[in-house]
PDB file of all heavy atoms in Angstrom:
ATOM      1  N   THR A   1      14.060   2.460  -2.367  1.00  0.00           N
ATOM      2  CA  THR A   1      13.343   3.529  -1.668  1.00  0.00           C
ATOM      3  C   THR A   1      14.204   4.068  -0.532  1.00  0.00           C
ATOM      4  O   THR A   1      15.220   3.485  -0.178  1.00  0.00           O
ATOM      5  CB  THR A   1      11.997   3.042  -1.084  1.00  0.00           C
ATOM      6  OG1 THR A   1      12.243   2.335   0.140  1.00  0.00           O
ATOM      7  CG2 THR A   1      11.258   2.146  -2.066  1.00  0.00           C
ATOM      8  N   SER A   2      13.770   5.168   0.040  1.00  0.00           N
ATOM      9  CA  SER A   2      14.509   5.790   1.149  1.00  0.00           C
ATOM     10  C   SER A   2      14.025   5.302   2.510  1.00  0.00           C
ATOM     11  O   SER A   2      14.381   5.876   3.546  1.00  0.00           O
ATOM     12  CB  SER A   2      14.372   7.312   1.079  1.00  0.00           C
ATOM     13  OG  SER A   2      13.004   7.688   1.134  1.00  0.00           O
ATOM     14  N   ALA A   3      13.211   4.248   2.525  1.00  0.00           N
ATOM     15  CA  ALA A   3      12.701   3.721   3.793  1.00  0.00           C
ATOM     16  C   ALA A   3      13.844   3.288   4.700  1.00  0.00           C
ATOM     17  O   ALA A   3      14.842   2.726   4.233  1.00  0.00           O
ATOM     18  CB  ALA A   3      11.773   2.539   3.523  1.00  0.00           C
ATOM     19  N   THR A   4      13.723   3.562   5.977  1.00  0.00           N
ATOM     20  CA  THR A   4      14.782   3.196   6.928  1.00  0.00           C
ATOM     21  C   THR A   4      14.570   1.821   7.547  1.00  0.00           C
ATOM     22  O   THR A   4      15.426   1.335   8.287  1.00  0.00           O
ATOM     23  CB  THR A   4      14.877   4.253   8.047  1.00  0.00           C
ATOM     24  OG1 THR A   4      13.595   4.371   8.680  1.00  0.00           O
ATOM     25  CG2 THR A   4      15.283   5.599   7.477  1.00  0.00           C
ATOM     26  N   GLU A   5      13.423   1.207   7.263  1.00  0.00           N
ATOM     27  CA  GLU A   5      13.122  -0.150   7.723  1.00  0.00           C
ATOM     28  C   GLU A   5      12.676  -0.979   6.522  1.00  0.00           C
ATOM     29  O   GLU A   5      12.186  -0.427   5.524  1.00  0.00           O
ATOM     30  CB  GLU A   5      11.996  -0.128   8.775  1.00  0.00           C
ATOM     31  CG  GLU A   5      12.327   0.646  10.044  1.00  0.00           C
ATOM     32  CD  GLU A   5      13.373  -0.053  10.901  1.00  0.00           C
ATOM     33  OE1 GLU A   5      13.521  -1.286  10.763  1.00  0.00           O
ATOM     34  OE2 GLU A   5      14.036   0.630  11.702  1.00  0.00           O
ATOM     35  N   PRO A   6      12.830  -2.304   6.566  1.00  0.00           N
ATOM     36  CA  PRO A   6      12.396  -3.144   5.438  1.00  0.00           C
ATOM     37  C   PRO A   6      10.914  -2.949   5.133  1.00  0.00           C
ATOM     38  O   PRO A   6      10.081  -2.897   6.036  1.00  0.00           O
ATOM     39  CB  PRO A   6      12.670  -4.562   5.933  1.00  0.00           C
ATOM     40  CG  PRO A   6      13.761  -4.418   6.948  1.00  0.00           C
ATOM     41  CD  PRO A   6      13.495  -3.108   7.626  1.00  0.00           C
ATOM     42  N   ILE A   7      10.594  -2.838   3.846  1.00  0.00           N
ATOM     43  CA  ILE A   7       9.187  -2.706   3.445  1.00  0.00           C
ATOM     44  C   ILE A   7       8.644  -4.031   2.916  1.00  0.00           C
ATOM     45  O   ILE A   7       7.439  -4.172   2.717  1.00  0.00           O
ATOM     46  CB  ILE A   7       9.013  -1.602   2.381  1.00  0.00           C
ATOM     47  CG1 ILE A   7       9.859  -1.900   1.129  1.00  0.00           C
ATOM     48  CG2 ILE A   7       9.366  -0.239   2.948  1.00  0.00           C
ATOM     49  CD1 ILE A   7       9.633  -0.915  -0.011  1.00  0.00           C
ATOM     50  N   LEU A   8       9.554  -5.001   2.699  1.00  0.00           N
ATOM     51  CA  LEU A   8       9.140  -6.341   2.284  1.00  0.00           C
ATOM     52  C   LEU A   8       9.779  -7.371   3.201  1.00  0.00           C
ATOM     53  O   LEU A   8      10.968  -7.293   3.502  1.00  0.00           O
ATOM     54  CB  LEU A   8       9.575  -6.617   0.836  1.00  0.00           C
ATOM     55  CG  LEU A   8       8.922  -5.771  -0.267  1.00  0.00           C
ATOM     56  CD1 LEU A   8       9.550  -6.091  -1.612  1.00  0.00           C
ATOM     57  CD2 LEU A   8       7.413  -5.987  -0.308  1.00  0.00           C
ATOM     58  N   ASP A   9       8.978  -8.323   3.665  1.00  0.00           N
ATOM     59  CA  ASP A   9       9.526  -9.404   4.485  1.00  0.00           C
ATOM     60  C   ASP A   9       8.749 -10.685   4.187  1.00  0.00           C
ATOM     61  O   ASP A   9       7.851 -10.714   3.340  1.00  0.00           O
ATOM     62  CB  ASP A   9       9.470  -9.049   5.971  1.00  0.00           C
ATOM     63  CG  ASP A   9       8.067  -8.698   6.449  1.00  0.00           C
ATOM     64  OD1 ASP A   9       7.095  -9.154   5.798  1.00  0.00           O
ATOM     65  OD2 ASP A   9       7.932  -7.983   7.456  1.00  0.00           O
ATOM     66  N   ARG A  10       9.117 -11.749   4.870  1.00  0.00           N
ATOM     67  CA  ARG A  10       8.500 -13.053   4.611  1.00  0.00           C
ATOM     68  C   ARG A  10       6.991 -13.015   4.826  1.00  0.00           C
ATOM     69  O   ARG A  10       6.222 -13.564   4.026  1.00  0.00           O
ATOM     70  CB  ARG A  10       9.139 -14.111   5.510  1.00  0.00           C
ATOM     71  CG  ARG A  10       8.491 -15.473   5.370  1.00  0.00           C
ATOM     72  CD  ARG A  10       9.217 -16.562   6.120  1.00  0.00           C
ATOM     73  NE  ARG A  10       8.526 -17.845   5.951  1.00  0.00           N
ATOM     74  CZ  ARG A  10       9.049 -19.012   6.238  1.00  0.00           C
ATOM     75  NH1 ARG A  10      10.286 -19.082   6.733  1.00  0.00           N
ATOM     76  NH2 ARG A  10       8.369 -20.130   6.052  1.00  0.00           N
ATOM     77  N   SER A  11       6.555 -12.369   5.899  1.00  0.00           N
ATOM     78  CA  SER A  11       5.125 -12.371   6.226  1.00  0.00           C
ATOM     79  C   SER A  11       4.286 -11.703   5.143  1.00  0.00           C
ATOM     80  O   SER A  11       3.119 -12.064   4.943  1.00  0.00           O
ATOM     81  CB  SER A  11       4.895 -11.670   7.569  1.00  0.00           C
ATOM     82  OG  SER A  11       5.245 -10.295   7.481  1.00  0.00           O
ATOM     83  N   LYS A  12       4.857 -10.732   4.417  1.00  0.00           N
ATOM     84  CA  LYS A  12       4.122 -10.048   3.355  1.00  0.00           C
ATOM     85  C   LYS A  12       4.172 -10.819   2.032  1.00  0.00           C
ATOM     86  O   LYS A  12       3.192 -10.843   1.280  1.00  0.00           O
ATOM     87  CB  LYS A  12       4.686  -8.638   3.149  1.00  0.00           C
ATOM     88  CG  LYS A  12       4.389  -7.680   4.283  1.00  0.00           C
ATOM     89  CD  LYS A  12       5.021  -6.316   4.013  1.00  0.00           C
ATOM     90  CE  LYS A  12       4.734  -5.351   5.172  1.00  0.00           C
ATOM     91  NZ  LYS A  12       5.438  -4.058   4.990  1.00  0.00           N
ATOM     92  N   LEU A  13       5.316 -11.444   1.757  1.00  0.00           N
ATOM     93  CA  LEU A  13       5.500 -12.069   0.456  1.00  0.00           C
ATOM     94  C   LEU A  13       4.990 -13.505   0.379  1.00  0.00           C
ATOM     95  O   LEU A  13       4.504 -13.940  -0.667  1.00  0.00           O
ATOM     96  CB  LEU A  13       6.978 -12.035   0.067  1.00  0.00           C
ATOM     97  CG  LEU A  13       7.574 -10.638  -0.174  1.00  0.00           C
ATOM     98  CD1 LEU A  13       9.061 -10.731  -0.452  1.00  0.00           C
ATOM     99  CD2 LEU A  13       6.863  -9.938  -1.331  1.00  0.00           C
ATOM    100  N   GLU A  14       5.101 -14.239   1.469  1.00  0.00           N
ATOM    101  CA  GLU A  14       4.734 -15.658   1.427  1.00  0.00           C
ATOM    102  C   GLU A  14       3.298 -15.883   0.967  1.00  0.00           C
ATOM    103  O   GLU A  14       3.040 -16.781   0.135  1.00  0.00           O
ATOM    104  CB  GLU A  14       4.977 -16.302   2.795  1.00  0.00           C
ATOM    105  CG  GLU A  14       4.852 -17.814   2.778  1.00  0.00           C
ATOM    106  CD  GLU A  14       5.326 -18.451   4.079  1.00  0.00           C
ATOM    107  OE1 GLU A  14       5.410 -17.730   5.108  1.00  0.00           O
ATOM    108  OE2 GLU A  14       5.627 -19.653   4.058  1.00  0.00           O
ATOM    109  N   PRO A  15       2.309 -15.085   1.439  1.00  0.00           N
ATOM    110  CA  PRO A  15       0.919 -15.342   1.021  1.00  0.00           C
ATOM    111  C   PRO A  15       0.622 -14.931  -0.416  1.00  0.00           C
ATOM    112  O   PRO A  15      -0.373 -15.383  -0.990  1.00  0.00           O
ATOM    113  CB  PRO A  15       0.098 -14.486   2.000  1.00  0.00           C
ATOM    114  CG  PRO A  15       1.036 -14.075   3.079  1.00  0.00           C
ATOM    115  CD  PRO A  15       2.379 -14.017   2.454  1.00  0.00           C
ATOM    116  N   ILE A  16       1.451 -14.054  -1.014  1.00  0.00           N
ATOM    117  CA  ILE A  16       1.059 -13.473  -2.311  1.00  0.00           C
ATOM    118  C   ILE A  16       1.878 -13.979  -3.488  1.00  0.00           C
ATOM    119  O   ILE A  16       1.439 -13.852  -4.639  1.00  0.00           O
ATOM    120  CB  ILE A  16       1.131 -11.927  -2.270  1.00  0.00           C
ATOM    121  CG1 ILE A  16       2.580 -11.455  -2.081  1.00  0.00           C
ATOM    122  CG2 ILE A  16       0.223 -11.349  -1.201  1.00  0.00           C
ATOM    123  CD1 ILE A  16       2.764  -9.957  -2.274  1.00  0.00           C
ATOM    124  N   VAL A  17       3.075 -14.534  -3.243  1.00  0.00           N
ATOM    125  CA  VAL A  17       3.917 -14.969  -4.355  1.00  0.00           C
ATOM    126  C   VAL A  17       3.706 -16.452  -4.606  1.00  0.00           C
ATOM    127  O   VAL A  17       3.936 -17.290  -3.729  1.00  0.00           O
ATOM    128  CB  VAL A  17       5.409 -14.684  -4.071  1.00  0.00           C
ATOM    129  CG1 VAL A  17       6.276 -15.207  -5.220  1.00  0.00           C
ATOM    130  CG2 VAL A  17       5.641 -13.190  -3.869  1.00  0.00           C
ATOM    131  N   CYS A  18       3.280 -16.775  -5.813  1.00  0.00           N
ATOM    132  CA  CYS A  18       2.973 -18.154  -6.189  1.00  0.00           C
ATOM    133  C   CYS A  18       4.257 -18.980  -6.246  1.00  0.00           C
ATOM    134  O   CYS A  18       5.253 -18.552  -6.839  1.00  0.00           O
ATOM    135  CB  CYS A  18       2.280 -18.160  -7.545  1.00  0.00           C
ATOM    136  SG  CYS A  18       1.917 -19.815  -8.156  1.00  0.00           S
ATOM    137  N   THR A  19       4.237 -20.152  -5.640  1.00  0.00           N
ATOM    138  CA  THR A  19       5.436 -20.996  -5.598  1.00  0.00           C
ATOM    139  C   THR A  19       5.839 -21.474  -6.987  1.00  0.00           C
ATOM    140  O   THR A  19       7.013 -21.698  -7.260  1.00  0.00           O
ATOM    141  CB  THR A  19       5.197 -22.215  -4.685  1.00  0.00           C
ATOM    142  OG1 THR A  19       4.036 -22.922  -5.151  1.00  0.00           O
ATOM    143  CG2 THR A  19       5.009 -21.786  -3.248  1.00  0.00           C
ATOM    144  N   SER A  20       4.879 -21.612  -7.883  1.00  0.00           N
ATOM    145  CA  SER A  20       5.197 -22.080  -9.235  1.00  0.00           C
ATOM    146  C   SER A  20       5.809 -20.978 -10.089  1.00  0.00           C
ATOM    147  O   SER A  20       6.613 -21.231 -10.978  1.00  0.00           O
ATOM    148  CB  SER A  20       3.940 -22.615  -9.917  1.00  0.00           C
ATOM    149  OG  SER A  20       2.960 -21.591 -10.007  1.00  0.00           O
ATOM    150  N   ARG A  21       5.434 -19.726  -9.807  1.00  0.00           N
ATOM    151  CA  ARG A  21       5.946 -18.614 -10.612  1.00  0.00           C
ATOM    152  C   ARG A  21       7.311 -18.168 -10.118  1.00  0.00           C
ATOM    153  O   ARG A  21       8.226 -17.937 -10.880  1.00  0.00           O
ATOM    154  CB  ARG A  21       4.962 -17.438 -10.562  1.00  0.00           C
ATOM    155  CG  ARG A  21       5.464 -16.224 -11.332  1.00  0.00           C
ATOM    156  CD  ARG A  21       4.434 -15.128 -11.424  1.00  0.00           C
ATOM    157  NE  ARG A  21       4.887 -14.036 -12.262  1.00  0.00           N
ATOM    158  CZ  ARG A  21       4.130 -13.433 -13.173  1.00  0.00           C
ATOM    159  NH1 ARG A  21       2.897 -13.844 -13.379  1.00  0.00           N
ATOM    160  NH2 ARG A  21       4.613 -12.437 -13.888  1.00  0.00           N
ATOM    161  N   GLY A  22       7.442 -18.039  -8.790  1.00  0.00           N
ATOM    162  CA  GLY A  22       8.696 -17.586  -8.226  1.00  0.00           C
ATOM    163  C   GLY A  22       8.896 -16.082  -8.399  1.00  0.00           C
ATOM    164  O   GLY A  22       8.102 -15.404  -9.068  1.00  0.00           O
ATOM    165  N   LEU A  23       9.947 -15.564  -7.801  1.00  0.00           N
ATOM    166  CA  LEU A  23      10.214 -14.122  -7.838  1.00  0.00           C
ATOM    167  C   LEU A  23      11.691 -13.865  -7.555  1.00  0.00           C
ATOM    168  O   LEU A  23      12.303 -14.559  -6.739  1.00  0.00           O
ATOM    169  CB  LEU A  23       9.355 -13.405  -6.788  1.00  0.00           C
ATOM    170  CG  LEU A  23       9.552 -11.887  -6.652  1.00  0.00           C
ATOM    171  CD1 LEU A  23       9.026 -11.167  -7.888  1.00  0.00           C
ATOM    172  CD2 LEU A  23       8.850 -11.372  -5.396  1.00  0.00           C
ATOM    173  N   MET A  24      12.249 -12.867  -8.248  1.00  0.00           N
ATOM    174  CA  MET A  24      13.605 -12.419  -7.942  1.00  0.00           C
ATOM    175  C   MET A  24      13.558 -10.982  -7.449  1.00  0.00           C
ATOM    176  O   MET A  24      12.947 -10.105  -8.090  1.00  0.00           O
ATOM    177  CB  MET A  24      14.510 -12.539  -9.168  1.00  0.00           C
ATOM    178  CG  MET A  24      15.035 -13.946  -9.356  1.00  0.00           C
ATOM    179  SD  MET A  24      16.399 -14.038 -10.518  1.00  0.00           S
ATOM    180  CE  MET A  24      15.491 -13.834 -12.031  1.00  0.00           C
ATOM    181  N   LEU A  25      14.182 -10.758  -6.290  1.00  0.00           N
ATOM    182  CA  LEU A  25      14.226  -9.433  -5.667  1.00  0.00           C
ATOM    183  C   LEU A  25      15.659  -8.909  -5.702  1.00  0.00           C
ATOM    184  O   LEU A  25      16.588  -9.608  -5.295  1.00  0.00           O
ATOM    185  CB  LEU A  25      13.766  -9.510  -4.210  1.00  0.00           C
ATOM    186  CG  LEU A  25      12.283  -9.778  -3.935  1.00  0.00           C
ATOM    187  CD1 LEU A  25      12.087 -10.074  -2.455  1.00  0.00           C
ATOM    188  CD2 LEU A  25      11.452  -8.576  -4.340  1.00  0.00           C
ATOM    189  N   PHE A  26      15.816  -7.671  -6.165  1.00  0.00           N
ATOM    190  CA  PHE A  26      17.130  -7.032  -6.183  1.00  0.00           C
ATOM    191  C   PHE A  26      17.029  -5.754  -5.351  1.00  0.00           C
ATOM    192  O   PHE A  26      16.424  -4.762  -5.775  1.00  0.00           O
ATOM    193  CB  PHE A  26      17.562  -6.725  -7.615  1.00  0.00           C
ATOM    194  CG  PHE A  26      17.748  -7.960  -8.448  1.00  0.00           C
ATOM    195  CD1 PHE A  26      16.674  -8.516  -9.140  1.00  0.00           C
ATOM    196  CD2 PHE A  26      18.982  -8.588  -8.534  1.00  0.00           C
ATOM    197  CE1 PHE A  26      16.833  -9.660  -9.894  1.00  0.00           C
ATOM    198  CE2 PHE A  26      19.149  -9.735  -9.285  1.00  0.00           C
ATOM    199  CZ  PHE A  26      18.084 -10.277  -9.963  1.00  0.00           C
TER     200      PHE A  26
END
C-alpha cells in the first residue's frame, strides 16, 4: 500500500493470529 506509516504491528496481529496456524508476511 501507499501508507506512509505501518498499518500492521504486534499489537494488531498478536490477538488475531493463531499460534498454531502461524502467518507469513511479505
